[in-house]
């Protein structure tokens, strides 16, 4: 916190604080709701007393949220945090200065723990791990009129819309997931993966 004295957070037995507080949501590996209630605004010594309390505490709330792991902090705003402070799953901390004076309180309620999320995702993957899916490799496409298709005969050449040497599309159940190049392995055609698409939707 932006104070001249060192502030420490200690588990609090108080609950049910009401009134406006600085609140924000955090979404990431572990998601949470966070609220900071300042009991003594004069304890803040950031040189901008006229600024919004949300702006003054933004960095502090962001630092508290970062301890939950990678994620994104939502809008930091002023709002009624009484529901969060009184929630049975919320962890409440007293923010105390060097003289053990409580200058504020912090409430954190983790809504999606990292371990639980990882375990549930792992279990879901285990359930479908044995399911077979169609993997296809596409080297090009073309559009033809019905009369041209009817005129096809052995030896006819169909020109595709992709140049020689261009990467092939690798699709899983019709969805593009990667690019690759055609190779021959033991007299069979194969595809060497050259790029996995980061935004592939499987």
N, C-alpha and C. Protein backbone atom coordinates (compact mmCIF):
# COMPACT_ATOMS: atom_id res chain seq x y z
N UNK A 1 0.84 -1.19 0.00
CA UNK A 1 0.00 0.00 0.00
C UNK A 1 0.88 1.24 0.00
N UNK A 2 0.37 2.34 -0.59
CA UNK A 2 1.16 3.57 -0.63
C UNK A 2 1.13 4.31 0.71
N UNK A 3 1.89 3.81 1.66
CA UNK A 3 1.97 4.43 2.99
C UNK A 3 3.43 4.65 3.34
N UNK A 4 3.66 5.55 4.32
CA UNK A 4 5.03 5.80 4.76
C UNK A 4 5.52 4.68 5.67
N UNK A 5 4.59 4.08 6.44
CA UNK A 5 4.94 2.98 7.34
C UNK A 5 4.72 1.65 6.65
N UNK A 6 5.47 0.64 7.07
CA UNK A 6 5.31 -0.69 6.50
C UNK A 6 3.98 -1.27 6.96
N UNK A 7 3.25 -1.83 5.99
CA UNK A 7 1.94 -2.41 6.27
C UNK A 7 2.03 -3.93 6.17
N UNK A 8 1.45 -4.61 7.15
CA UNK A 8 1.44 -6.07 7.12
C UNK A 8 -0.01 -6.55 7.12
N UNK A 9 -0.24 -7.70 6.50
CA UNK A 9 -1.58 -8.27 6.43
C UNK A 9 -1.65 -9.45 7.39
N UNK A 10 -2.61 -9.40 8.29
CA UNK A 10 -2.79 -10.47 9.26
C UNK A 10 -4.22 -10.96 9.21
N UNK A 11 -4.37 -12.25 9.39
CA UNK A 11 -5.71 -12.84 9.35
C UNK A 11 -6.61 -12.12 10.35
N UNK A 12 -7.81 -11.77 9.89
CA UNK A 12 -8.74 -11.00 10.73
C UNK A 12 -9.91 -11.88 11.15
N UNK A 13 -10.42 -11.61 12.34
CA UNK A 13 -11.61 -12.31 12.81
C UNK A 13 -12.84 -11.45 12.61
N UNK A 14 -12.64 -10.22 12.10
CA UNK A 14 -13.75 -9.33 11.86
C UNK A 14 -14.41 -9.70 10.53
N UNK A 15 -15.68 -9.44 10.41
CA UNK A 15 -16.40 -9.70 9.17
C UNK A 15 -17.59 -8.76 9.11
N UNK A 16 -18.24 -8.77 7.97
CA UNK A 16 -19.44 -7.96 7.83
C UNK A 16 -19.18 -6.48 7.67
N UNK A 17 -17.96 -6.09 7.29
CA UNK A 17 -17.70 -4.67 7.05
C UNK A 17 -18.62 -4.18 5.94
N UNK A 18 -19.15 -3.02 6.11
CA UNK A 18 -20.04 -2.45 5.12
C UNK A 18 -19.46 -1.14 4.61
N UNK A 19 -20.11 -0.60 3.62
CA UNK A 19 -19.65 0.67 3.05
C UNK A 19 -18.85 0.45 1.79
N UNK A 20 -18.45 1.56 1.19
CA UNK A 20 -17.72 1.50 -0.07
C UNK A 20 -16.29 1.03 0.15
N UNK A 21 -15.80 0.26 -0.80
CA UNK A 21 -14.43 -0.23 -0.77
C UNK A 21 -13.94 -0.28 -2.21
N UNK A 22 -12.64 -0.48 -2.36
CA UNK A 22 -12.06 -0.66 -3.69
C UNK A 22 -12.20 -2.13 -4.03
N UNK A 23 -12.90 -2.43 -5.11
CA UNK A 23 -13.17 -3.82 -5.47
C UNK A 23 -12.70 -4.11 -6.90
N UNK A 24 -12.38 -5.37 -7.15
CA UNK A 24 -11.95 -5.80 -8.48
C UNK A 24 -12.08 -7.31 -8.58
N UNK A 25 -12.17 -7.78 -9.80
CA UNK A 25 -12.19 -9.22 -10.07
C UNK A 25 -10.89 -9.60 -10.75
N UNK A 26 -10.44 -10.81 -10.48
CA UNK A 26 -9.20 -11.31 -11.06
C UNK A 26 -9.51 -12.63 -11.76
N UNK A 27 -9.12 -12.74 -13.02
CA UNK A 27 -9.40 -13.94 -13.81
C UNK A 27 -8.08 -14.53 -14.29
N UNK A 28 -7.87 -15.80 -13.98
CA UNK A 28 -6.63 -16.46 -14.39
C UNK A 28 -6.67 -17.92 -14.02
N UNK A 29 -5.49 -18.52 -13.81
CA UNK A 29 -5.43 -19.91 -13.36
C UNK A 29 -6.25 -20.08 -12.09
N UNK A 30 -6.16 -19.09 -11.22
CA UNK A 30 -7.04 -19.01 -10.06
C UNK A 30 -7.76 -17.67 -10.15
N UNK A 31 -9.08 -17.68 -10.08
CA UNK A 31 -9.86 -16.44 -10.18
C UNK A 31 -10.36 -16.05 -8.80
N UNK A 32 -10.56 -14.75 -8.60
CA UNK A 32 -10.95 -14.28 -7.27
C UNK A 32 -11.66 -12.94 -7.34
N UNK A 33 -12.37 -12.64 -6.25
CA UNK A 33 -12.93 -11.32 -6.02
C UNK A 33 -12.11 -10.70 -4.89
N UNK A 34 -11.75 -9.43 -5.07
CA UNK A 34 -10.88 -8.75 -4.10
C UNK A 34 -11.50 -7.42 -3.71
N UNK A 35 -11.42 -7.10 -2.43
CA UNK A 35 -11.91 -5.81 -1.94
C UNK A 35 -10.95 -5.27 -0.89
N UNK A 36 -10.65 -3.99 -0.99
CA UNK A 36 -9.79 -3.32 -0.01
C UNK A 36 -10.58 -2.19 0.62
N UNK A 37 -10.73 -2.26 1.93
CA UNK A 37 -11.46 -1.24 2.68
C UNK A 37 -10.46 -0.42 3.49
N UNK A 38 -10.41 0.87 3.23
CA UNK A 38 -9.48 1.75 3.94
C UNK A 38 -10.22 2.41 5.10
N UNK A 39 -9.80 2.11 6.32
CA UNK A 39 -10.43 2.67 7.51
C UNK A 39 -9.88 4.05 7.84
N UNK A 40 -8.63 4.28 7.48
CA UNK A 40 -7.99 5.57 7.77
C UNK A 40 -7.30 6.09 6.51
N UNK A 41 -8.02 6.85 5.66
CA UNK A 41 -7.44 7.36 4.41
C UNK A 41 -6.20 8.20 4.63
N UNK A 42 -6.06 8.81 5.82
CA UNK A 42 -4.88 9.65 6.08
C UNK A 42 -3.60 8.82 6.13
N UNK A 43 -3.73 7.50 6.25
CA UNK A 43 -2.55 6.63 6.27
C UNK A 43 -1.90 6.53 4.90
N UNK A 44 -2.65 6.85 3.86
CA UNK A 44 -2.10 6.79 2.51
C UNK A 44 -1.22 8.01 2.27
N UNK A 45 -0.01 7.75 1.81
CA UNK A 45 0.95 8.85 1.59
C UNK A 45 1.55 8.73 0.20
N UNK A 46 0.69 8.87 -0.81
CA UNK A 46 1.17 8.73 -2.19
C UNK A 46 1.29 10.06 -2.91
N UNK A 47 0.97 11.16 -2.20
CA UNK A 47 1.13 12.47 -2.81
C UNK A 47 0.00 12.88 -3.73
N UNK A 48 -1.04 12.06 -3.84
CA UNK A 48 -2.18 12.42 -4.71
C UNK A 48 -3.48 12.25 -3.94
N UNK A 49 -3.67 13.04 -2.87
CA UNK A 49 -4.86 12.87 -2.03
C UNK A 49 -6.17 13.16 -2.76
N UNK A 50 -6.10 13.93 -3.84
CA UNK A 50 -7.33 14.28 -4.56
C UNK A 50 -7.71 13.22 -5.60
N UNK A 51 -6.84 12.26 -5.83
CA UNK A 51 -7.13 11.21 -6.82
C UNK A 51 -8.15 10.23 -6.26
N UNK A 52 -8.80 9.52 -7.16
CA UNK A 52 -9.77 8.50 -6.76
C UNK A 52 -9.08 7.42 -5.94
N UNK A 53 -9.77 6.92 -4.92
CA UNK A 53 -9.20 5.87 -4.10
C UNK A 53 -8.92 4.63 -4.94
N UNK A 54 -9.73 4.40 -5.96
CA UNK A 54 -9.50 3.25 -6.85
C UNK A 54 -8.17 3.40 -7.59
N UNK A 55 -7.86 4.62 -8.03
CA UNK A 55 -6.59 4.85 -8.71
C UNK A 55 -5.42 4.73 -7.74
N UNK A 56 -5.61 5.19 -6.52
CA UNK A 56 -4.52 5.17 -5.54
C UNK A 56 -4.17 3.75 -5.08
N UNK A 57 -5.17 2.88 -5.10
CA UNK A 57 -4.93 1.51 -4.63
C UNK A 57 -4.81 0.49 -5.75
N UNK A 58 -4.86 0.95 -7.00
CA UNK A 58 -4.82 0.03 -8.13
C UNK A 58 -3.59 -0.88 -8.08
N UNK A 59 -2.42 -0.28 -7.88
CA UNK A 59 -1.18 -1.07 -7.86
C UNK A 59 -1.18 -2.06 -6.70
N UNK A 60 -1.72 -1.66 -5.55
CA UNK A 60 -1.75 -2.56 -4.39
C UNK A 60 -2.67 -3.74 -4.62
N UNK A 61 -3.84 -3.48 -5.21
CA UNK A 61 -4.78 -4.58 -5.51
C UNK A 61 -4.18 -5.51 -6.55
N UNK A 62 -3.50 -4.93 -7.54
CA UNK A 62 -2.85 -5.73 -8.59
C UNK A 62 -1.77 -6.62 -7.97
N UNK A 63 -0.99 -6.08 -7.04
CA UNK A 63 0.07 -6.86 -6.39
C UNK A 63 -0.53 -8.00 -5.56
N UNK A 64 -1.63 -7.72 -4.88
CA UNK A 64 -2.28 -8.77 -4.09
C UNK A 64 -2.81 -9.87 -5.00
N UNK A 65 -3.39 -9.49 -6.14
CA UNK A 65 -3.96 -10.47 -7.06
C UNK A 65 -2.87 -11.32 -7.72
N UNK A 66 -1.70 -10.73 -7.95
CA UNK A 66 -0.63 -11.46 -8.64
C UNK A 66 -0.14 -12.66 -7.85
N UNK A 67 -0.39 -12.69 -6.53
CA UNK A 67 0.02 -13.84 -5.73
C UNK A 67 -0.81 -15.08 -6.06
N UNK A 68 -1.91 -14.90 -6.78
CA UNK A 68 -2.76 -16.03 -7.16
C UNK A 68 -2.25 -16.74 -8.40
N UNK A 69 -1.25 -16.15 -9.07
CA UNK A 69 -0.72 -16.75 -10.29
C UNK A 69 -1.06 -15.91 -11.50
N UNK A 70 -0.71 -16.39 -12.70
CA UNK A 70 -0.96 -15.62 -13.92
C UNK A 70 -2.45 -15.33 -14.10
N UNK A 71 -2.74 -14.12 -14.53
CA UNK A 71 -4.13 -13.75 -14.76
C UNK A 71 -4.26 -12.29 -15.14
N UNK A 72 -5.50 -11.84 -15.21
CA UNK A 72 -5.78 -10.46 -15.62
C UNK A 72 -6.68 -9.82 -14.57
N UNK A 73 -6.29 -8.64 -14.12
CA UNK A 73 -7.07 -7.89 -13.15
C UNK A 73 -8.12 -7.07 -13.89
N UNK A 74 -9.36 -7.19 -13.47
CA UNK A 74 -10.44 -6.43 -14.09
C UNK A 74 -10.44 -4.98 -13.62
N UNK A 75 -11.51 -4.29 -13.92
CA UNK A 75 -11.62 -2.88 -13.55
C UNK A 75 -11.56 -2.72 -12.04
N UNK A 76 -10.71 -1.82 -11.58
CA UNK A 76 -10.62 -1.49 -10.15
C UNK A 76 -11.56 -0.31 -9.91
N UNK A 77 -12.55 -0.50 -9.07
CA UNK A 77 -13.57 0.52 -8.91
C UNK A 77 -14.03 0.61 -7.45
N UNK A 78 -14.81 1.63 -7.16
CA UNK A 78 -15.39 1.79 -5.83
C UNK A 78 -16.78 1.17 -5.85
N UNK A 79 -17.08 0.37 -4.84
CA UNK A 79 -18.39 -0.26 -4.77
C UNK A 79 -18.66 -0.83 -3.40
N UNK A 80 -19.88 -1.32 -3.20
CA UNK A 80 -20.27 -1.91 -1.92
C UNK A 80 -19.69 -3.31 -1.82
N UNK A 81 -18.82 -3.53 -0.86
CA UNK A 81 -18.15 -4.82 -0.69
C UNK A 81 -18.66 -5.59 0.51
N UNK A 82 -19.80 -5.20 1.05
CA UNK A 82 -20.30 -5.87 2.26
C UNK A 82 -20.58 -7.35 2.02
N UNK A 83 -21.07 -7.69 0.82
CA UNK A 83 -21.37 -9.10 0.53
C UNK A 83 -20.09 -9.93 0.50
N UNK A 84 -19.02 -9.35 -0.03
CA UNK A 84 -17.76 -10.07 -0.09
C UNK A 84 -17.15 -10.24 1.30
N UNK A 85 -17.18 -9.17 2.10
CA UNK A 85 -16.59 -9.25 3.44
C UNK A 85 -17.35 -10.22 4.34
N UNK A 86 -18.63 -10.41 4.09
CA UNK A 86 -19.42 -11.31 4.93
C UNK A 86 -19.56 -12.70 4.32
N UNK A 87 -18.99 -12.93 3.15
CA UNK A 87 -19.11 -14.24 2.51
C UNK A 87 -18.35 -15.30 3.32
N UNK A 88 -18.95 -16.45 3.54
CA UNK A 88 -18.28 -17.47 4.37
C UNK A 88 -16.98 -18.01 3.76
N UNK A 89 -16.81 -17.89 2.45
CA UNK A 89 -15.60 -18.41 1.82
C UNK A 89 -14.52 -17.34 1.66
N UNK A 90 -14.82 -16.12 2.06
CA UNK A 90 -13.84 -15.03 1.91
C UNK A 90 -12.79 -15.09 3.01
N UNK A 91 -11.56 -14.77 2.66
CA UNK A 91 -10.49 -14.64 3.65
C UNK A 91 -10.31 -13.16 3.93
N UNK A 92 -10.38 -12.80 5.20
CA UNK A 92 -10.30 -11.39 5.60
C UNK A 92 -8.96 -11.14 6.29
N UNK A 93 -8.32 -10.05 5.91
CA UNK A 93 -7.03 -9.67 6.50
C UNK A 93 -7.11 -8.25 7.04
N UNK A 94 -6.53 -8.05 8.23
CA UNK A 94 -6.35 -6.71 8.77
C UNK A 94 -5.05 -6.14 8.22
N UNK A 95 -5.09 -4.94 7.71
CA UNK A 95 -3.90 -4.25 7.22
C UNK A 95 -3.42 -3.34 8.34
N UNK A 96 -2.29 -3.71 8.95
CA UNK A 96 -1.82 -3.02 10.15
C UNK A 96 -0.48 -2.36 9.91
N UNK A 97 -0.31 -1.20 10.57
CA UNK A 97 0.98 -0.51 10.48
C UNK A 97 1.93 -1.03 11.56
N UNK A 98 3.06 -0.37 11.71
CA UNK A 98 4.09 -0.86 12.64
C UNK A 98 3.65 -0.81 14.10
N UNK A 99 2.63 -0.01 14.39
CA UNK A 99 2.13 0.07 15.77
C UNK A 99 0.94 -0.87 16.00
N UNK A 100 0.71 -1.76 15.04
CA UNK A 100 -0.41 -2.70 15.09
C UNK A 100 -1.77 -2.02 15.00
N UNK A 101 -1.77 -0.80 14.46
CA UNK A 101 -3.03 -0.10 14.23
C UNK A 101 -3.62 -0.57 12.90
N UNK A 102 -4.88 -0.95 12.90
CA UNK A 102 -5.54 -1.42 11.69
C UNK A 102 -5.98 -0.22 10.86
N UNK A 103 -5.36 -0.06 9.69
CA UNK A 103 -5.68 1.07 8.82
C UNK A 103 -6.61 0.66 7.67
N UNK A 104 -6.80 -0.64 7.53
CA UNK A 104 -7.68 -1.11 6.46
C UNK A 104 -7.90 -2.61 6.56
N UNK A 105 -8.76 -3.11 5.70
CA UNK A 105 -9.01 -4.55 5.65
C UNK A 105 -9.05 -4.99 4.19
N UNK A 106 -8.64 -6.23 4.00
CA UNK A 106 -8.61 -6.81 2.66
C UNK A 106 -9.43 -8.09 2.68
N UNK A 107 -10.30 -8.24 1.69
CA UNK A 107 -11.11 -9.45 1.56
C UNK A 107 -10.79 -10.10 0.22
N UNK A 108 -10.55 -11.40 0.25
CA UNK A 108 -10.26 -12.16 -0.97
C UNK A 108 -11.10 -13.43 -0.96
N UNK A 109 -11.85 -13.62 -2.03
CA UNK A 109 -12.60 -14.88 -2.18
C UNK A 109 -12.19 -15.54 -3.49
N UNK A 110 -11.50 -16.65 -3.37
CA UNK A 110 -11.06 -17.39 -4.56
C UNK A 110 -12.27 -18.14 -5.11
N UNK A 111 -12.60 -17.85 -6.37
CA UNK A 111 -13.78 -18.46 -6.98
C UNK A 111 -13.43 -19.65 -7.85
N UNK A 112 -12.15 -19.77 -8.24
CA UNK A 112 -11.72 -20.93 -9.03
C UNK A 112 -10.28 -21.24 -8.69
N UNK A 113 -10.05 -22.13 -7.72
CA UNK A 113 -8.67 -22.45 -7.31
C UNK A 113 -7.92 -23.13 -8.46
N UNK A 114 -6.61 -22.92 -8.47
CA UNK A 114 -5.76 -23.52 -9.50
C UNK A 114 -5.78 -25.03 -9.45
N UNK A 115 -5.64 -25.61 -8.26
CA UNK A 115 -5.54 -27.07 -8.16
C UNK A 115 -6.84 -27.74 -8.57
N UNK A 116 -7.97 -27.21 -8.10
CA UNK A 116 -9.25 -27.80 -8.44
C UNK A 116 -9.49 -27.73 -9.93
N UNK A 117 -9.18 -26.56 -10.52
CA UNK A 117 -9.39 -26.40 -11.96
C UNK A 117 -8.54 -27.36 -12.75
N UNK A 118 -7.29 -27.53 -12.33
CA UNK A 118 -6.38 -28.42 -13.04
C UNK A 118 -6.85 -29.87 -12.93
N UNK A 119 -7.30 -30.26 -11.72
CA UNK A 119 -7.74 -31.63 -11.54
C UNK A 119 -8.99 -31.92 -12.36
N UNK A 120 -9.95 -30.97 -12.36
CA UNK A 120 -11.18 -31.20 -13.11
C UNK A 120 -10.90 -31.26 -14.59
N UNK A 121 -9.99 -30.41 -15.08
CA UNK A 121 -9.63 -30.44 -16.50
C UNK A 121 -8.96 -31.76 -16.84
N UNK A 122 -8.07 -32.23 -15.95
CA UNK A 122 -7.39 -33.50 -16.17
C UNK A 122 -8.38 -34.65 -16.23
N UNK A 123 -9.37 -34.63 -15.31
CA UNK A 123 -10.37 -35.70 -15.31
C UNK A 123 -11.19 -35.69 -16.59
N UNK A 124 -11.55 -34.48 -17.06
CA UNK A 124 -12.33 -34.39 -18.30
C UNK A 124 -11.54 -34.94 -19.47
N UNK A 125 -10.24 -34.64 -19.51
CA UNK A 125 -9.41 -35.13 -20.60
C UNK A 125 -9.27 -36.65 -20.55
N UNK A 126 -9.17 -37.19 -19.34
CA UNK A 126 -9.04 -38.64 -19.20
C UNK A 126 -10.28 -39.36 -19.73
N UNK A 127 -11.45 -38.73 -19.59
CA UNK A 127 -12.68 -39.35 -20.05
C UNK A 127 -12.74 -39.48 -21.57
N UNK A 128 -12.12 -38.56 -22.26
CA UNK A 128 -12.21 -38.57 -23.73
C UNK A 128 -10.91 -38.99 -24.40
N UNK A 129 -9.91 -39.39 -23.59
CA UNK A 129 -8.59 -39.70 -24.15
C UNK A 129 -8.63 -40.84 -25.15
N UNK A 130 -9.57 -41.79 -25.00
CA UNK A 130 -9.61 -42.93 -25.89
C UNK A 130 -10.48 -42.75 -27.12
N UNK A 131 -11.10 -41.59 -27.25
CA UNK A 131 -11.99 -41.35 -28.39
C UNK A 131 -11.16 -41.08 -29.64
N UNK A 132 -11.52 -41.77 -30.74
CA UNK A 132 -10.81 -41.58 -31.99
C UNK A 132 -11.43 -40.42 -32.77
N UNK A 133 -10.57 -39.64 -33.42
CA UNK A 133 -11.02 -38.50 -34.22
C UNK A 133 -10.37 -38.57 -35.58
N UNK A 134 -11.01 -37.96 -36.56
CA UNK A 134 -10.49 -37.96 -37.93
C UNK A 134 -9.45 -36.86 -38.10
N UNK A 135 -8.24 -37.26 -38.48
CA UNK A 135 -7.19 -36.32 -38.80
C UNK A 135 -6.97 -36.36 -40.31
N UNK A 136 -7.16 -35.23 -40.96
CA UNK A 136 -7.01 -35.17 -42.42
C UNK A 136 -5.96 -34.15 -42.79
N UNK A 137 -5.33 -34.37 -43.94
CA UNK A 137 -4.32 -33.45 -44.46
C UNK A 137 -4.82 -32.96 -45.82
N UNK A 138 -4.89 -31.66 -45.95
CA UNK A 138 -5.41 -31.06 -47.18
C UNK A 138 -4.29 -30.29 -47.88
N UNK A 139 -4.03 -30.65 -49.13
CA UNK A 139 -2.96 -29.97 -49.87
C UNK A 139 -3.50 -28.91 -50.81
N UNK A 140 -4.81 -28.80 -50.92
CA UNK A 140 -5.38 -27.76 -51.76
C UNK A 140 -6.83 -28.05 -52.09
N UNK A 141 -7.48 -27.05 -52.71
CA UNK A 141 -8.89 -27.18 -53.09
C UNK A 141 -9.11 -26.57 -54.46
N UNK A 142 -10.25 -26.90 -55.04
CA UNK A 142 -10.68 -26.25 -56.27
C UNK A 142 -12.18 -26.37 -56.38
N UNK A 143 -12.78 -25.53 -57.19
CA UNK A 143 -14.22 -25.59 -57.44
C UNK A 143 -14.42 -25.95 -58.91
N UNK A 144 -15.34 -26.85 -59.15
CA UNK A 144 -15.59 -27.31 -60.52
C UNK A 144 -17.08 -27.38 -60.77
N UNK A 145 -17.44 -27.06 -61.98
CA UNK A 145 -18.84 -27.22 -62.39
C UNK A 145 -19.13 -28.71 -62.57
N UNK A 146 -20.39 -29.08 -62.45
CA UNK A 146 -20.77 -30.49 -62.56
C UNK A 146 -20.36 -31.06 -63.92
N UNK A 147 -20.50 -30.25 -64.97
CA UNK A 147 -20.15 -30.76 -66.31
C UNK A 147 -18.66 -31.08 -66.41
N UNK A 148 -17.81 -30.27 -65.69
CA UNK A 148 -16.37 -30.54 -65.72
C UNK A 148 -16.03 -31.80 -64.95
N UNK A 149 -16.75 -32.04 -63.86
CA UNK A 149 -16.53 -33.27 -63.08
C UNK A 149 -16.91 -34.48 -63.92
N UNK A 150 -18.01 -34.36 -64.69
CA UNK A 150 -18.46 -35.47 -65.52
C UNK A 150 -17.49 -35.76 -66.66
N UNK A 151 -16.70 -34.74 -67.02
CA UNK A 151 -15.74 -34.92 -68.12
C UNK A 151 -14.42 -35.52 -67.65
N UNK A 152 -14.26 -35.72 -66.32
CA UNK A 152 -13.00 -36.26 -65.82
C UNK A 152 -12.80 -37.70 -66.30
N UNK A 153 -11.56 -38.01 -66.58
CA UNK A 153 -11.21 -39.37 -67.02
C UNK A 153 -9.81 -39.68 -66.51
N UNK A 154 -9.41 -40.95 -66.51
CA UNK A 154 -8.05 -41.28 -66.06
C UNK A 154 -7.01 -40.49 -66.84
N UNK A 155 -6.07 -39.89 -66.09
CA UNK A 155 -5.05 -39.08 -66.72
C UNK A 155 -5.34 -37.60 -66.70
N UNK A 156 -6.57 -37.23 -66.35
CA UNK A 156 -6.91 -35.81 -66.29
C UNK A 156 -6.18 -35.16 -65.12
N UNK A 157 -5.81 -33.90 -65.26
CA UNK A 157 -5.11 -33.15 -64.23
C UNK A 157 -6.05 -32.10 -63.65
N UNK A 158 -6.19 -32.11 -62.32
CA UNK A 158 -7.02 -31.13 -61.63
C UNK A 158 -6.10 -30.16 -60.89
N UNK A 159 -6.17 -28.92 -61.26
CA UNK A 159 -5.29 -27.91 -60.66
C UNK A 159 -5.90 -27.41 -59.36
N UNK A 160 -5.08 -27.38 -58.32
CA UNK A 160 -5.54 -26.93 -57.01
C UNK A 160 -5.18 -25.47 -56.79
N UNK A 161 -5.71 -24.90 -55.73
CA UNK A 161 -5.52 -23.47 -55.46
C UNK A 161 -4.26 -23.18 -54.63
N UNK A 162 -3.35 -24.14 -54.55
CA UNK A 162 -2.16 -23.95 -53.73
C UNK A 162 -0.92 -24.24 -54.56
N UNK A 163 0.10 -23.40 -54.37
CA UNK A 163 1.32 -23.58 -55.16
C UNK A 163 2.16 -24.73 -54.63
N UNK A 164 3.05 -25.25 -55.47
CA UNK A 164 3.93 -26.34 -55.06
C UNK A 164 4.84 -25.86 -53.93
N UNK A 165 5.00 -26.68 -52.91
CA UNK A 165 5.85 -26.33 -51.77
C UNK A 165 5.12 -25.62 -50.66
N UNK A 166 3.87 -25.20 -50.90
CA UNK A 166 3.09 -24.53 -49.85
C UNK A 166 2.73 -25.55 -48.77
N UNK A 167 2.64 -25.13 -47.51
CA UNK A 167 2.33 -26.09 -46.44
C UNK A 167 0.94 -26.67 -46.59
N UNK A 168 0.79 -27.90 -46.15
CA UNK A 168 -0.51 -28.56 -46.16
C UNK A 168 -1.26 -28.20 -44.88
N UNK A 169 -2.60 -28.23 -44.96
CA UNK A 169 -3.43 -27.97 -43.79
C UNK A 169 -3.71 -29.29 -43.07
N UNK A 170 -3.52 -29.29 -41.77
CA UNK A 170 -3.81 -30.47 -40.96
C UNK A 170 -5.07 -30.17 -40.15
N UNK A 171 -6.08 -31.00 -40.33
CA UNK A 171 -7.37 -30.73 -39.71
C UNK A 171 -7.79 -31.88 -38.81
N UNK A 172 -8.34 -31.53 -37.66
CA UNK A 172 -8.86 -32.52 -36.72
C UNK A 172 -10.37 -32.37 -36.68
N UNK A 173 -11.06 -33.41 -37.14
CA UNK A 173 -12.53 -33.34 -37.25
C UNK A 173 -12.98 -32.09 -38.00
N UNK A 174 -12.24 -31.75 -39.05
CA UNK A 174 -12.62 -30.62 -39.89
C UNK A 174 -12.10 -29.28 -39.43
N UNK A 175 -11.47 -29.21 -38.26
CA UNK A 175 -10.96 -27.93 -37.75
C UNK A 175 -9.46 -27.85 -37.99
N UNK A 176 -9.02 -26.72 -38.52
CA UNK A 176 -7.61 -26.52 -38.81
C UNK A 176 -6.82 -26.37 -37.51
N UNK A 177 -5.83 -27.25 -37.30
CA UNK A 177 -5.05 -27.19 -36.06
C UNK A 177 -3.56 -26.98 -36.29
N UNK A 178 -3.08 -27.25 -37.54
CA UNK A 178 -1.64 -27.15 -37.77
C UNK A 178 -1.35 -27.10 -39.27
N UNK A 179 -0.09 -26.81 -39.59
CA UNK A 179 0.41 -26.86 -40.96
C UNK A 179 1.57 -27.85 -41.01
N UNK A 180 1.80 -28.42 -42.19
CA UNK A 180 2.89 -29.38 -42.30
C UNK A 180 3.33 -29.55 -43.74
N UNK A 181 4.30 -30.44 -43.93
CA UNK A 181 4.81 -30.72 -45.27
C UNK A 181 4.70 -32.22 -45.54
N UNK A 182 4.39 -32.54 -46.79
CA UNK A 182 4.21 -33.94 -47.18
C UNK A 182 5.57 -34.61 -47.34
N UNK A 183 5.73 -35.77 -46.73
CA UNK A 183 6.96 -36.55 -46.82
C UNK A 183 6.59 -38.00 -47.13
N UNK A 184 7.58 -38.80 -47.45
CA UNK A 184 7.36 -40.23 -47.70
C UNK A 184 8.11 -41.02 -46.64
N UNK A 185 7.41 -41.94 -45.98
CA UNK A 185 7.99 -42.79 -44.94
C UNK A 185 7.67 -44.23 -45.28
N UNK A 186 8.70 -45.03 -45.57
CA UNK A 186 8.51 -46.45 -45.91
C UNK A 186 7.49 -46.62 -47.03
N UNK A 187 7.63 -45.84 -48.07
CA UNK A 187 6.77 -45.92 -49.25
C UNK A 187 5.35 -45.41 -49.00
N UNK A 188 5.09 -44.86 -47.81
CA UNK A 188 3.76 -44.30 -47.52
C UNK A 188 3.88 -42.78 -47.40
N UNK A 189 2.82 -42.11 -47.82
CA UNK A 189 2.78 -40.67 -47.59
C UNK A 189 2.60 -40.38 -46.10
N UNK A 190 3.23 -39.31 -45.64
CA UNK A 190 3.10 -38.87 -44.26
C UNK A 190 3.18 -37.35 -44.25
N UNK A 191 2.94 -36.76 -43.10
CA UNK A 191 3.02 -35.31 -42.98
C UNK A 191 3.90 -34.96 -41.80
N UNK A 192 4.83 -34.06 -42.02
CA UNK A 192 5.70 -33.56 -40.94
C UNK A 192 5.11 -32.25 -40.44
N UNK A 193 4.82 -32.19 -39.15
CA UNK A 193 4.24 -30.98 -38.57
C UNK A 193 5.29 -29.87 -38.57
N UNK A 194 4.92 -28.73 -39.14
CA UNK A 194 5.84 -27.59 -39.15
C UNK A 194 5.36 -26.45 -38.26
N UNK A 195 4.06 -26.43 -37.98
CA UNK A 195 3.53 -25.34 -37.14
C UNK A 195 2.21 -25.76 -36.50
N UNK A 196 2.12 -25.56 -35.18
CA UNK A 196 0.87 -25.78 -34.46
C UNK A 196 0.20 -24.42 -34.29
N UNK A 197 -1.05 -24.32 -34.66
CA UNK A 197 -1.77 -23.05 -34.56
C UNK A 197 -2.15 -22.79 -33.11
N UNK A 198 -1.78 -21.63 -32.60
CA UNK A 198 -2.02 -21.31 -31.18
C UNK A 198 -3.50 -21.18 -30.90
N UNK A 199 -4.26 -20.65 -31.85
CA UNK A 199 -5.69 -20.40 -31.60
C UNK A 199 -6.57 -21.51 -32.18
N UNK A 200 -5.97 -22.69 -32.36
CA UNK A 200 -6.75 -23.79 -32.92
C UNK A 200 -7.88 -24.17 -31.97
N UNK A 201 -9.07 -24.38 -32.52
CA UNK A 201 -10.22 -24.78 -31.72
C UNK A 201 -10.48 -26.26 -31.92
N UNK A 202 -10.12 -27.05 -30.93
CA UNK A 202 -10.31 -28.49 -31.03
C UNK A 202 -11.65 -28.86 -30.44
